[in-house]
Amino acid sequence: MEQFRYRVRIRGDYACFTRPEFKTERVSYEVITPSAARGVLEAILWKPAICWHIKRILLLSHPHFIQFKRNEVTQKVSTISAVKAMRSGEPEDYYADADRAQRNTLALRDVDYAVEAEFRMTSRQGPEDNPKKFDEMFRRRLEKGQFHMQPYLGCREFAAQVDLYDGTPPPLADETRDLGLILHDVQYTNGGNRPVFFEAHLEGGVIVVPEWEGQS
């Protein structure tokens, strides 16, 4: 089957790719995670017939952290309450002031990455679906700055600018080091969801993202 690979530049003023080992406070990884990069591409083109795979992450600017406080709510609306409100047409009262908590966030600022990615057809493709069709759709949307939801960098308030990457600026040649375990993605199964991690290594500003068993 014909493969289509893309080089996409992703940048923004702020980003927070939250490390899951920190429960209360938000602490970002030093670089974008493969799952976050996949989310950016899906914001431009998502279809049941395709699945995005991140192959390499290129670091185009040095990581710079910034710390601030953010107001967050402490609870989520239960599914039962949401369904009840939908059926009755009378939403329950919610007072954000009574449910608000101020938490520290250690985020990134002035981030700039390039990702190399490809999509693969899934078992949900229809008779009229083919790779060339989705290739043309993605390139057209990327060139025109179109998306079906705003791409973001870890948190929805941190909007991302997404463009085709032409090799400028180049990855940081002086960034060669181990980054430790980084979240790759979440594996969704009938028996439950489990996070998948990988040992990330920067080599001349480039992270090679491995495949993992069970990846669609």
N, C-alpha and C. Protein backbone atom coordinates (compact mmCIF):
# COMPACT_ATOMS: atom_id res chain seq x y z
N MET A 1 0.84 -1.20 0.00
CA MET A 1 0.00 0.00 0.00
C MET A 1 0.88 1.25 0.00
N GLU A 2 0.49 2.25 -0.77
CA GLU A 2 1.26 3.49 -0.86
C GLU A 2 1.27 4.21 0.48
N GLN A 3 2.48 4.66 0.90
CA GLN A 3 2.63 5.37 2.16
C GLN A 3 2.86 6.85 1.90
N PHE A 4 2.26 7.69 2.74
CA PHE A 4 2.44 9.13 2.65
C PHE A 4 3.05 9.61 3.96
N ARG A 5 4.20 10.28 3.87
CA ARG A 5 4.87 10.78 5.07
C ARG A 5 4.95 12.30 4.99
N TYR A 6 4.82 12.93 6.15
CA TYR A 6 4.74 14.39 6.22
C TYR A 6 5.74 14.93 7.23
N ARG A 7 6.18 16.17 6.99
CA ARG A 7 7.02 16.90 7.93
C ARG A 7 6.26 18.18 8.28
N VAL A 8 5.88 18.28 9.53
CA VAL A 8 4.99 19.35 9.98
C VAL A 8 5.65 20.11 11.12
N ARG A 9 5.59 21.43 11.05
CA ARG A 9 6.13 22.28 12.11
C ARG A 9 5.02 22.67 13.08
N ILE A 10 5.29 22.51 14.38
CA ILE A 10 4.31 22.79 15.42
C ILE A 10 4.96 23.74 16.42
N ARG A 11 4.36 24.90 16.65
CA ARG A 11 4.96 25.87 17.57
C ARG A 11 3.88 26.66 18.30
N GLY A 12 4.32 27.35 19.36
CA GLY A 12 3.36 28.12 20.13
C GLY A 12 4.04 28.85 21.27
N ASP A 13 3.30 29.75 21.90
CA ASP A 13 3.84 30.55 23.00
C ASP A 13 4.02 29.73 24.26
N TYR A 14 3.06 28.83 24.52
CA TYR A 14 3.11 28.03 25.74
C TYR A 14 2.70 26.59 25.41
N ALA A 15 3.17 25.66 26.26
CA ALA A 15 2.81 24.25 26.11
C ALA A 15 2.95 23.57 27.46
N CYS A 16 2.15 22.53 27.66
CA CYS A 16 2.28 21.73 28.88
C CYS A 16 1.90 20.29 28.55
N PHE A 17 2.92 19.45 28.44
CA PHE A 17 2.72 18.03 28.16
C PHE A 17 2.89 17.30 29.49
N THR A 18 1.81 17.17 30.22
CA THR A 18 1.84 16.82 31.63
C THR A 18 2.40 15.42 31.88
N ARG A 19 3.33 15.36 32.81
CA ARG A 19 3.89 14.08 33.24
C ARG A 19 2.87 13.39 34.13
N PRO A 20 2.50 12.14 33.84
CA PRO A 20 1.43 11.48 34.60
C PRO A 20 1.81 11.12 36.03
N GLU A 21 3.12 11.11 36.37
CA GLU A 21 3.50 10.75 37.73
C GLU A 21 3.23 11.86 38.74
N PHE A 22 2.93 13.08 38.24
CA PHE A 22 2.57 14.18 39.13
C PHE A 22 1.05 14.29 39.14
N LYS A 23 0.44 14.10 40.29
CA LYS A 23 -1.01 14.00 40.38
C LYS A 23 -1.69 15.36 40.50
N THR A 24 -1.23 16.19 41.45
CA THR A 24 -1.93 17.44 41.74
C THR A 24 -1.44 18.58 40.87
N GLU A 25 -0.12 18.79 40.86
CA GLU A 25 0.45 19.88 40.09
C GLU A 25 0.75 19.41 38.67
N ARG A 26 0.66 20.33 37.72
CA ARG A 26 0.98 20.02 36.34
C ARG A 26 2.46 20.32 36.08
N VAL A 27 3.21 19.31 35.69
CA VAL A 27 4.62 19.46 35.35
C VAL A 27 4.82 18.90 33.95
N SER A 28 5.38 19.70 33.07
CA SER A 28 5.50 19.30 31.68
C SER A 28 6.77 18.51 31.41
N TYR A 29 6.69 17.58 30.45
CA TYR A 29 7.89 17.01 29.88
C TYR A 29 8.68 18.13 29.19
N GLU A 30 9.94 17.84 28.86
CA GLU A 30 10.78 18.83 28.18
C GLU A 30 10.40 19.01 26.71
N VAL A 31 9.80 17.98 26.14
CA VAL A 31 9.47 18.00 24.71
C VAL A 31 8.04 17.51 24.51
N ILE A 32 7.53 17.73 23.34
CA ILE A 32 6.20 17.25 22.99
C ILE A 32 6.19 15.73 22.97
N THR A 33 5.12 15.13 23.42
CA THR A 33 5.00 13.68 23.41
C THR A 33 4.40 13.22 22.07
N PRO A 34 4.65 11.97 21.68
CA PRO A 34 4.04 11.48 20.44
C PRO A 34 2.52 11.58 20.44
N SER A 35 1.88 11.31 21.59
CA SER A 35 0.42 11.39 21.64
C SER A 35 -0.06 12.81 21.45
N ALA A 36 0.66 13.80 21.99
CA ALA A 36 0.28 15.20 21.80
C ALA A 36 0.47 15.62 20.34
N ALA A 37 1.56 15.15 19.72
CA ALA A 37 1.78 15.45 18.31
C ALA A 37 0.69 14.82 17.44
N ARG A 38 0.31 13.59 17.79
CA ARG A 38 -0.78 12.94 17.06
C ARG A 38 -2.07 13.75 17.19
N GLY A 39 -2.33 14.27 18.40
CA GLY A 39 -3.53 15.08 18.61
C GLY A 39 -3.55 16.34 17.75
N VAL A 40 -2.39 16.93 17.53
CA VAL A 40 -2.30 18.12 16.67
C VAL A 40 -2.68 17.76 15.23
N LEU A 41 -2.16 16.65 14.75
CA LEU A 41 -2.48 16.23 13.38
C LEU A 41 -3.95 15.84 13.24
N GLU A 42 -4.48 15.19 14.26
CA GLU A 42 -5.90 14.82 14.22
C GLU A 42 -6.80 16.05 14.26
N ALA A 43 -6.33 17.14 14.86
CA ALA A 43 -7.12 18.37 14.86
C ALA A 43 -7.26 18.94 13.45
N ILE A 44 -6.30 18.62 12.59
CA ILE A 44 -6.37 19.07 11.20
C ILE A 44 -7.16 18.08 10.35
N LEU A 45 -6.88 16.79 10.53
CA LEU A 45 -7.61 15.77 9.78
C LEU A 45 -7.77 14.52 10.64
N TRP A 46 -9.00 14.27 11.03
CA TRP A 46 -9.33 13.03 11.71
C TRP A 46 -10.46 12.34 10.95
N LYS A 47 -10.24 11.09 10.65
CA LYS A 47 -11.26 10.25 10.02
C LYS A 47 -11.15 8.86 10.62
N PRO A 48 -12.29 8.14 10.77
CA PRO A 48 -12.21 6.78 11.29
C PRO A 48 -11.36 5.86 10.42
N ALA A 49 -11.20 6.22 9.15
CA ALA A 49 -10.49 5.35 8.20
C ALA A 49 -8.98 5.44 8.31
N ILE A 50 -8.44 6.43 9.06
CA ILE A 50 -6.99 6.58 9.14
C ILE A 50 -6.53 6.67 10.59
N CYS A 51 -5.27 6.35 10.81
CA CYS A 51 -4.66 6.46 12.13
C CYS A 51 -3.27 7.06 11.95
N TRP A 52 -2.96 8.12 12.69
CA TRP A 52 -1.68 8.81 12.57
C TRP A 52 -0.60 8.11 13.39
N HIS A 53 0.60 8.05 12.84
CA HIS A 53 1.76 7.47 13.52
C HIS A 53 2.90 8.49 13.47
N ILE A 54 3.45 8.84 14.63
CA ILE A 54 4.57 9.77 14.71
C ILE A 54 5.86 8.97 14.59
N LYS A 55 6.73 9.35 13.66
CA LYS A 55 7.97 8.61 13.41
C LYS A 55 9.18 9.29 14.06
N ARG A 56 9.27 10.61 13.96
CA ARG A 56 10.39 11.34 14.56
C ARG A 56 9.89 12.69 15.08
N ILE A 57 10.52 13.16 16.14
CA ILE A 57 10.26 14.49 16.70
C ILE A 57 11.56 15.28 16.62
N LEU A 58 11.50 16.47 16.02
CA LEU A 58 12.68 17.32 15.86
C LEU A 58 12.54 18.53 16.78
N LEU A 59 13.54 18.75 17.62
CA LEU A 59 13.55 19.88 18.54
C LEU A 59 14.19 21.07 17.84
N LEU A 60 13.40 22.14 17.63
CA LEU A 60 13.89 23.30 16.89
C LEU A 60 14.27 24.46 17.78
N SER A 61 13.92 24.40 19.06
CA SER A 61 14.34 25.43 20.02
C SER A 61 14.57 24.77 21.37
N HIS A 62 15.46 25.35 22.16
CA HIS A 62 15.78 24.78 23.45
C HIS A 62 14.59 24.88 24.41
N PRO A 63 14.39 23.88 25.26
CA PRO A 63 13.28 23.94 26.22
C PRO A 63 13.49 25.06 27.25
N HIS A 64 12.45 25.85 27.46
CA HIS A 64 12.47 26.90 28.48
C HIS A 64 11.20 26.75 29.31
N PHE A 65 11.37 26.61 30.62
CA PHE A 65 10.22 26.43 31.50
C PHE A 65 9.73 27.76 32.04
N ILE A 66 8.45 27.78 32.37
CA ILE A 66 7.83 28.93 33.02
C ILE A 66 6.83 28.40 34.04
N GLN A 67 6.77 29.04 35.20
CA GLN A 67 5.89 28.58 36.28
C GLN A 67 4.82 29.63 36.55
N PHE A 68 3.58 29.16 36.70
CA PHE A 68 2.47 30.06 37.03
C PHE A 68 1.36 29.26 37.68
N LYS A 69 0.39 29.97 38.19
CA LYS A 69 -0.77 29.32 38.81
C LYS A 69 -1.96 29.40 37.87
N ARG A 70 -2.78 28.36 37.89
CA ARG A 70 -3.99 28.31 37.06
C ARG A 70 -5.17 27.91 37.91
N ASN A 71 -6.32 28.47 37.59
CA ASN A 71 -7.56 28.07 38.27
C ASN A 71 -8.15 26.87 37.55
N GLU A 72 -8.41 25.81 38.31
CA GLU A 72 -9.02 24.61 37.76
C GLU A 72 -10.18 24.18 38.64
N VAL A 73 -11.09 23.43 38.06
CA VAL A 73 -12.17 22.84 38.87
C VAL A 73 -11.72 21.46 39.34
N THR A 74 -12.26 21.03 40.46
CA THR A 74 -11.79 19.80 41.10
C THR A 74 -12.60 18.57 40.73
N GLN A 75 -13.78 18.75 40.11
CA GLN A 75 -14.63 17.62 39.81
C GLN A 75 -15.06 17.63 38.35
N LYS A 76 -15.46 16.46 37.89
CA LYS A 76 -16.02 16.31 36.55
C LYS A 76 -17.51 16.01 36.67
N VAL A 77 -18.26 16.42 35.68
CA VAL A 77 -19.68 16.11 35.65
C VAL A 77 -19.83 14.60 35.43
N SER A 78 -20.66 13.96 36.23
CA SER A 78 -20.86 12.52 36.08
C SER A 78 -21.70 12.23 34.84
N THR A 79 -21.47 11.06 34.27
CA THR A 79 -22.24 10.66 33.09
C THR A 79 -23.73 10.57 33.41
N ILE A 80 -24.05 10.07 34.58
CA ILE A 80 -25.45 9.92 34.99
C ILE A 80 -26.13 11.28 35.05
N SER A 81 -25.46 12.27 35.63
CA SER A 81 -26.03 13.62 35.72
C SER A 81 -26.21 14.24 34.34
N ALA A 82 -25.23 14.01 33.46
CA ALA A 82 -25.32 14.58 32.11
C ALA A 82 -26.48 13.98 31.33
N VAL A 83 -26.64 12.66 31.42
CA VAL A 83 -27.74 11.99 30.71
C VAL A 83 -29.09 12.45 31.27
N LYS A 84 -29.17 12.58 32.57
CA LYS A 84 -30.40 13.03 33.21
C LYS A 84 -30.78 14.43 32.75
N ALA A 85 -29.79 15.31 32.67
CA ALA A 85 -30.04 16.68 32.23
C ALA A 85 -30.47 16.73 30.76
N MET A 86 -29.87 15.88 29.94
CA MET A 86 -30.23 15.83 28.52
C MET A 86 -31.68 15.37 28.34
N ARG A 87 -32.08 14.40 29.12
CA ARG A 87 -33.43 13.86 28.98
C ARG A 87 -34.49 14.82 29.52
N SER A 88 -34.15 15.49 30.61
CA SER A 88 -35.14 16.38 31.21
C SER A 88 -35.15 17.77 30.59
N GLY A 89 -34.02 18.13 29.96
CA GLY A 89 -33.91 19.47 29.40
C GLY A 89 -33.65 20.53 30.45
N GLU A 90 -33.37 20.11 31.66
CA GLU A 90 -33.10 21.04 32.75
C GLU A 90 -31.72 20.74 33.34
N PRO A 91 -30.72 21.49 32.93
CA PRO A 91 -29.37 21.25 33.45
C PRO A 91 -29.27 21.56 34.93
N GLU A 92 -28.41 20.81 35.61
CA GLU A 92 -28.21 21.05 37.03
C GLU A 92 -27.40 22.32 37.25
N ASP A 93 -27.65 22.97 38.38
CA ASP A 93 -26.88 24.17 38.72
C ASP A 93 -25.44 23.79 39.03
N TYR A 94 -24.53 24.62 38.57
CA TYR A 94 -23.12 24.40 38.86
C TYR A 94 -22.47 25.74 39.18
N TYR A 95 -21.79 25.80 40.30
CA TYR A 95 -21.16 27.03 40.76
C TYR A 95 -19.65 26.82 40.78
N ALA A 96 -18.98 27.39 39.78
CA ALA A 96 -17.54 27.18 39.64
C ALA A 96 -16.76 27.72 40.83
N ASP A 97 -17.23 28.81 41.42
CA ASP A 97 -16.49 29.40 42.55
C ASP A 97 -16.38 28.43 43.72
N ALA A 98 -17.38 27.56 43.87
CA ALA A 98 -17.37 26.63 44.98
C ALA A 98 -16.55 25.38 44.68
N ASP A 99 -16.12 25.24 43.43
CA ASP A 99 -15.42 24.02 43.02
C ASP A 99 -14.04 24.33 42.44
N ARG A 100 -13.54 25.53 42.72
CA ARG A 100 -12.31 25.98 42.08
C ARG A 100 -11.10 25.73 42.97
N ALA A 101 -10.01 25.35 42.34
CA ALA A 101 -8.75 25.15 43.05
C ALA A 101 -7.64 25.78 42.24
N GLN A 102 -6.70 26.40 42.93
CA GLN A 102 -5.56 27.04 42.26
C GLN A 102 -4.36 26.11 42.35
N ARG A 103 -3.82 25.74 41.18
CA ARG A 103 -2.72 24.79 41.15
C ARG A 103 -1.53 25.37 40.39
N ASN A 104 -0.35 24.95 40.82
CA ASN A 104 0.88 25.35 40.12
C ASN A 104 1.01 24.59 38.81
N THR A 105 1.56 25.27 37.82
CA THR A 105 1.85 24.64 36.53
C THR A 105 3.27 24.98 36.14
N LEU A 106 4.06 23.97 35.84
CA LEU A 106 5.40 24.16 35.29
C LEU A 106 5.32 23.81 33.82
N ALA A 107 5.21 24.84 33.00
CA ALA A 107 4.97 24.68 31.57
C ALA A 107 6.20 25.07 30.76
N LEU A 108 6.07 24.97 29.45
CA LEU A 108 7.11 25.37 28.52
C LEU A 108 6.68 26.65 27.81
N ARG A 109 7.64 27.46 27.42
CA ARG A 109 7.33 28.67 26.67
C ARG A 109 8.14 28.71 25.37
N ASP A 110 7.58 29.37 24.37
CA ASP A 110 8.23 29.56 23.07
C ASP A 110 8.72 28.22 22.50
N VAL A 111 7.78 27.28 22.38
CA VAL A 111 8.15 25.95 21.89
C VAL A 111 8.12 25.90 20.36
N ASP A 112 8.97 25.06 19.82
CA ASP A 112 9.07 24.93 18.36
C ASP A 112 9.56 23.52 18.04
N TYR A 113 8.72 22.77 17.34
CA TYR A 113 9.06 21.39 16.99
C TYR A 113 8.72 21.14 15.51
N ALA A 114 9.31 20.09 15.01
CA ALA A 114 8.85 19.52 13.74
C ALA A 114 8.63 18.04 13.98
N VAL A 115 7.61 17.49 13.38
CA VAL A 115 7.36 16.06 13.51
C VAL A 115 7.28 15.44 12.12
N GLU A 116 7.79 14.23 12.03
CA GLU A 116 7.64 13.44 10.82
C GLU A 116 6.60 12.37 11.14
N ALA A 117 5.59 12.28 10.31
CA ALA A 117 4.46 11.39 10.61
C ALA A 117 3.92 10.79 9.34
N GLU A 118 3.15 9.73 9.52
CA GLU A 118 2.44 9.11 8.41
C GLU A 118 1.09 8.62 8.93
N PHE A 119 0.16 8.43 8.02
CA PHE A 119 -1.10 7.81 8.43
C PHE A 119 -1.23 6.46 7.76
N ARG A 120 -1.97 5.60 8.42
CA ARG A 120 -2.24 4.27 7.88
C ARG A 120 -3.75 4.04 7.86
N MET A 121 -4.19 3.29 6.91
CA MET A 121 -5.60 2.98 6.81
C MET A 121 -5.98 1.99 7.91
N THR A 122 -7.19 2.12 8.42
CA THR A 122 -7.67 1.25 9.49
C THR A 122 -8.75 0.31 8.95
N SER A 123 -9.21 -0.57 9.82
CA SER A 123 -10.26 -1.52 9.44
C SER A 123 -11.61 -0.83 9.26
N ARG A 124 -11.70 0.45 9.64
CA ARG A 124 -12.97 1.18 9.54
C ARG A 124 -13.10 1.95 8.22
N GLN A 125 -12.20 1.72 7.28
CA GLN A 125 -12.27 2.43 6.00
C GLN A 125 -13.46 1.94 5.19
N GLY A 126 -14.04 2.86 4.46
CA GLY A 126 -15.18 2.54 3.62
C GLY A 126 -14.75 2.21 2.20
N PRO A 127 -15.68 1.81 1.33
CA PRO A 127 -15.33 1.43 -0.04
C PRO A 127 -14.77 2.57 -0.87
N GLU A 128 -15.08 3.82 -0.50
CA GLU A 128 -14.59 4.97 -1.26
C GLU A 128 -13.35 5.60 -0.64
N ASP A 129 -12.87 5.04 0.46
CA ASP A 129 -11.70 5.59 1.15
C ASP A 129 -10.42 5.04 0.54
N ASN A 130 -9.43 5.92 0.35
CA ASN A 130 -8.12 5.50 -0.14
C ASN A 130 -7.08 6.50 0.34
N PRO A 131 -5.80 6.10 0.44
CA PRO A 131 -4.77 7.00 0.96
C PRO A 131 -4.62 8.30 0.18
N LYS A 132 -4.72 8.24 -1.13
CA LYS A 132 -4.55 9.45 -1.95
C LYS A 132 -5.60 10.50 -1.59
N LYS A 133 -6.80 10.08 -1.35
CA LYS A 133 -7.89 10.99 -0.98
C LYS A 133 -7.54 11.75 0.30
N PHE A 134 -7.08 11.03 1.31
CA PHE A 134 -6.77 11.67 2.59
C PHE A 134 -5.49 12.48 2.52
N ASP A 135 -4.55 12.06 1.67
CA ASP A 135 -3.34 12.85 1.46
C ASP A 135 -3.68 14.23 0.92
N GLU A 136 -4.53 14.27 -0.09
CA GLU A 136 -4.93 15.54 -0.67
C GLU A 136 -5.71 16.40 0.33
N MET A 137 -6.57 15.79 1.12
CA MET A 137 -7.34 16.53 2.13
C MET A 137 -6.41 17.16 3.16
N PHE A 138 -5.44 16.37 3.65
CA PHE A 138 -4.56 16.88 4.70
C PHE A 138 -3.69 18.01 4.18
N ARG A 139 -3.09 17.83 3.01
CA ARG A 139 -2.22 18.87 2.45
C ARG A 139 -3.00 20.15 2.17
N ARG A 140 -4.21 20.02 1.67
CA ARG A 140 -5.02 21.20 1.37
C ARG A 140 -5.36 21.96 2.65
N ARG A 141 -5.76 21.22 3.69
CA ARG A 141 -6.10 21.88 4.96
C ARG A 141 -4.89 22.54 5.59
N LEU A 142 -3.74 21.86 5.53
CA LEU A 142 -2.53 22.40 6.14
C LEU A 142 -2.08 23.67 5.42
N GLU A 143 -2.13 23.68 4.10
CA GLU A 143 -1.71 24.85 3.32
C GLU A 143 -2.64 26.04 3.54
N LYS A 144 -3.93 25.77 3.77
CA LYS A 144 -4.89 26.85 3.96
C LYS A 144 -5.10 27.22 5.43
N GLY A 145 -4.43 26.51 6.34
CA GLY A 145 -4.59 26.79 7.76
C GLY A 145 -5.94 26.36 8.29
N GLN A 146 -6.53 25.33 7.70
CA GLN A 146 -7.85 24.86 8.11
C GLN A 146 -7.73 23.71 9.10
N PHE A 147 -8.71 23.60 9.98
CA PHE A 147 -8.78 22.49 10.93
C PHE A 147 -10.21 22.38 11.42
N HIS A 148 -10.58 21.20 11.93
CA HIS A 148 -11.94 21.02 12.43
C HIS A 148 -12.02 21.32 13.92
N MET A 149 -10.87 21.43 14.60
CA MET A 149 -10.80 21.92 15.97
C MET A 149 -9.43 22.56 16.16
N GLN A 150 -9.35 23.55 17.05
CA GLN A 150 -8.10 24.26 17.23
C GLN A 150 -7.00 23.33 17.75
N PRO A 151 -5.88 23.20 17.01
CA PRO A 151 -4.77 22.40 17.53
C PRO A 151 -4.20 23.06 18.78
N TYR A 152 -3.81 22.24 19.75
CA TYR A 152 -3.28 22.81 20.99
C TYR A 152 -2.10 22.00 21.49
N LEU A 153 -1.37 22.60 22.43
CA LEU A 153 -0.12 22.03 22.92
C LEU A 153 -0.27 21.55 24.36
N GLY A 154 -0.93 20.42 24.50
CA GLY A 154 -1.10 19.81 25.81
C GLY A 154 -2.31 20.25 26.57
N CYS A 155 -2.58 21.55 26.61
CA CYS A 155 -3.77 22.12 27.25
C CYS A 155 -4.50 22.96 26.21
N ARG A 156 -5.82 22.95 26.26
CA ARG A 156 -6.60 23.59 25.20
C ARG A 156 -6.37 25.09 25.10
N GLU A 157 -5.97 25.73 26.21
CA GLU A 157 -5.74 27.17 26.13
C GLU A 157 -4.40 27.52 25.49
N PHE A 158 -3.55 26.52 25.22
CA PHE A 158 -2.25 26.76 24.60
C PHE A 158 -2.35 26.40 23.12
N ALA A 159 -2.79 27.34 22.31
CA ALA A 159 -3.02 27.10 20.88
C ALA A 159 -1.71 26.87 20.15
N ALA A 160 -1.78 26.03 19.12
CA ALA A 160 -0.61 25.70 18.32
C ALA A 160 -0.74 26.28 16.92
N GLN A 161 0.38 26.73 16.38
CA GLN A 161 0.47 27.11 14.98
C GLN A 161 1.09 25.95 14.22
N VAL A 162 0.44 25.52 13.14
CA VAL A 162 0.88 24.32 12.42
C VAL A 162 1.11 24.66 10.95
N ASP A 163 2.28 24.30 10.43
CA ASP A 163 2.65 24.57 9.04
C ASP A 163 3.44 23.39 8.49
N LEU A 164 3.60 23.36 7.18
CA LEU A 164 4.53 22.42 6.57
C LEU A 164 5.95 22.81 6.98
N TYR A 165 6.79 21.81 7.23
CA TYR A 165 8.16 22.07 7.65
C TYR A 165 9.09 21.88 6.45
N ASP A 166 9.87 22.93 6.14
CA ASP A 166 10.76 22.89 4.98
C ASP A 166 12.21 22.68 5.37
N GLY A 167 12.46 22.35 6.63
CA GLY A 167 13.84 22.15 7.08
C GLY A 167 14.46 23.34 7.76
N THR A 168 13.74 24.47 7.81
CA THR A 168 14.23 25.69 8.46
C THR A 168 13.27 26.11 9.57
N PRO A 169 13.78 26.30 10.80
CA PRO A 169 15.16 26.10 11.24
C PRO A 169 15.49 24.62 11.38
N PRO A 170 16.77 24.28 11.37
CA PRO A 170 17.15 22.87 11.51
C PRO A 170 17.04 22.43 12.96
N PRO A 171 17.00 21.11 13.22
CA PRO A 171 17.00 20.64 14.61
C PRO A 171 18.28 21.04 15.33
N LEU A 172 18.22 21.13 16.65
CA LEU A 172 19.35 21.61 17.44
C LEU A 172 20.44 20.54 17.51
N ALA A 173 21.54 20.79 16.84
CA ALA A 173 22.61 19.80 16.75
C ALA A 173 23.29 19.57 18.10
N ASP A 174 23.21 20.54 19.03
CA ASP A 174 23.89 20.40 20.31
C ASP A 174 23.04 19.68 21.36
N GLU A 175 21.83 19.26 21.01
CA GLU A 175 20.95 18.57 21.96
C GLU A 175 21.06 17.06 21.77
N THR A 176 21.96 16.44 22.53
CA THR A 176 22.11 14.98 22.53
C THR A 176 22.15 14.52 23.97
N ARG A 177 21.11 13.84 24.40
CA ARG A 177 21.02 13.38 25.79
C ARG A 177 19.80 12.47 25.94
N ASP A 178 19.80 11.73 27.06
CA ASP A 178 18.66 10.89 27.39
C ASP A 178 17.60 11.71 28.11
N LEU A 179 16.36 11.48 27.77
CA LEU A 179 15.24 12.18 28.40
C LEU A 179 14.47 11.30 29.36
N GLY A 180 14.83 10.02 29.43
CA GLY A 180 14.13 9.11 30.32
C GLY A 180 12.82 8.62 29.71
N LEU A 181 11.98 8.07 30.57
CA LEU A 181 10.69 7.55 30.11
C LEU A 181 9.74 8.69 29.75
N ILE A 182 9.14 8.60 28.59
CA ILE A 182 8.16 9.59 28.12
C ILE A 182 6.91 8.84 27.66
N LEU A 183 5.78 9.42 27.92
CA LEU A 183 4.52 8.81 27.48
C LEU A 183 4.48 8.75 25.96
N HIS A 184 4.25 7.54 25.45
CA HIS A 184 4.12 7.35 24.01
C HIS A 184 2.66 7.57 23.60
N ASP A 185 1.76 6.81 24.20
CA ASP A 185 0.35 6.91 23.88
C ASP A 185 -0.43 6.07 24.89
N VAL A 186 -1.72 5.99 24.70
CA VAL A 186 -2.58 5.17 25.55
C VAL A 186 -3.16 4.05 24.69
N GLN A 187 -3.03 2.83 25.16
CA GLN A 187 -3.59 1.68 24.46
C GLN A 187 -4.99 1.41 24.99
N TYR A 188 -5.97 1.48 24.10
CA TYR A 188 -7.37 1.29 24.48
C TYR A 188 -7.77 -0.14 24.15
N THR A 189 -8.20 -0.88 25.18
CA THR A 189 -8.61 -2.26 24.99
C THR A 189 -9.93 -2.50 25.73
N ASN A 190 -10.56 -3.61 25.43
CA ASN A 190 -11.81 -3.95 26.13
C ASN A 190 -11.57 -4.20 27.62
N GLY A 191 -10.35 -4.61 27.96
CA GLY A 191 -10.03 -4.87 29.36
C GLY A 191 -9.59 -3.65 30.13
N GLY A 192 -9.58 -2.49 29.48
CA GLY A 192 -9.16 -1.27 30.14
C GLY A 192 -8.09 -0.55 29.35
N ASN A 193 -7.76 0.65 29.75
CA ASN A 193 -6.77 1.46 29.06
C ASN A 193 -5.45 1.45 29.84
N ARG A 194 -4.35 1.39 29.11
CA ARG A 194 -3.06 1.42 29.78
C ARG A 194 -2.11 2.35 29.04
N PRO A 195 -1.33 3.15 29.80
CA PRO A 195 -0.35 4.04 29.16
C PRO A 195 0.84 3.25 28.65
N VAL A 196 1.40 3.68 27.55
CA VAL A 196 2.59 3.06 26.97
C VAL A 196 3.72 4.10 26.97
N PHE A 197 4.86 3.73 27.54
CA PHE A 197 6.00 4.64 27.64
C PHE A 197 7.15 4.13 26.78
N PHE A 198 8.11 5.01 26.51
CA PHE A 198 9.33 4.60 25.83
C PHE A 198 10.50 5.42 26.34
N GLU A 199 11.70 4.87 26.20
CA GLU A 199 12.92 5.57 26.59
C GLU A 199 13.31 6.54 25.47
N ALA A 200 13.15 7.83 25.75
CA ALA A 200 13.40 8.84 24.73
C ALA A 200 14.86 9.29 24.76
N HIS A 201 15.44 9.40 23.59
CA HIS A 201 16.84 9.84 23.47
C HIS A 201 16.93 10.90 22.38
N LEU A 202 17.49 12.05 22.75
CA LEU A 202 17.75 13.12 21.79
C LEU A 202 19.11 12.89 21.16
N GLU A 203 19.16 12.84 19.85
CA GLU A 203 20.42 12.69 19.12
C GLU A 203 20.48 13.80 18.07
N GLY A 204 21.27 14.83 18.37
CA GLY A 204 21.33 15.96 17.45
C GLY A 204 20.00 16.66 17.30
N GLY A 205 19.22 16.71 18.39
CA GLY A 205 17.93 17.38 18.37
C GLY A 205 16.80 16.55 17.80
N VAL A 206 17.01 15.25 17.60
CA VAL A 206 16.01 14.38 16.98
C VAL A 206 15.70 13.20 17.90
N ILE A 207 14.41 12.94 18.08
CA ILE A 207 13.95 11.76 18.82
C ILE A 207 13.31 10.80 17.83
N VAL A 208 13.82 9.58 17.78
CA VAL A 208 13.20 8.54 16.96
C VAL A 208 12.13 7.86 17.81
N VAL A 209 10.90 7.85 17.34
CA VAL A 209 9.78 7.28 18.08
C VAL A 209 9.55 5.84 17.65
N PRO A 210 9.69 4.89 18.57
CA PRO A 210 9.54 3.48 18.17
C PRO A 210 8.07 3.08 18.04
N GLU A 211 7.86 2.00 17.33
CA GLU A 211 6.54 1.37 17.30
C GLU A 211 6.36 0.60 18.61
N TRP A 212 5.13 0.38 19.03
CA TRP A 212 4.90 -0.47 20.20
C TRP A 212 3.87 -1.54 19.85
N GLU A 213 4.01 -2.66 20.52
CA GLU A 213 3.17 -3.81 20.23
C GLU A 213 1.70 -3.49 20.47
N GLY A 214 0.89 -3.80 19.50
CA GLY A 214 -0.53 -3.52 19.62
C GLY A 214 -0.93 -2.20 19.03
N GLN A 215 0.05 -1.40 18.53
CA GLN A 215 -0.28 -0.12 17.93
C GLN A 215 -1.03 -0.34 16.63
N SER A 216 -2.15 0.35 16.47
CA SER A 216 -2.96 0.15 15.26
C SER A 216 -2.36 0.86 14.06
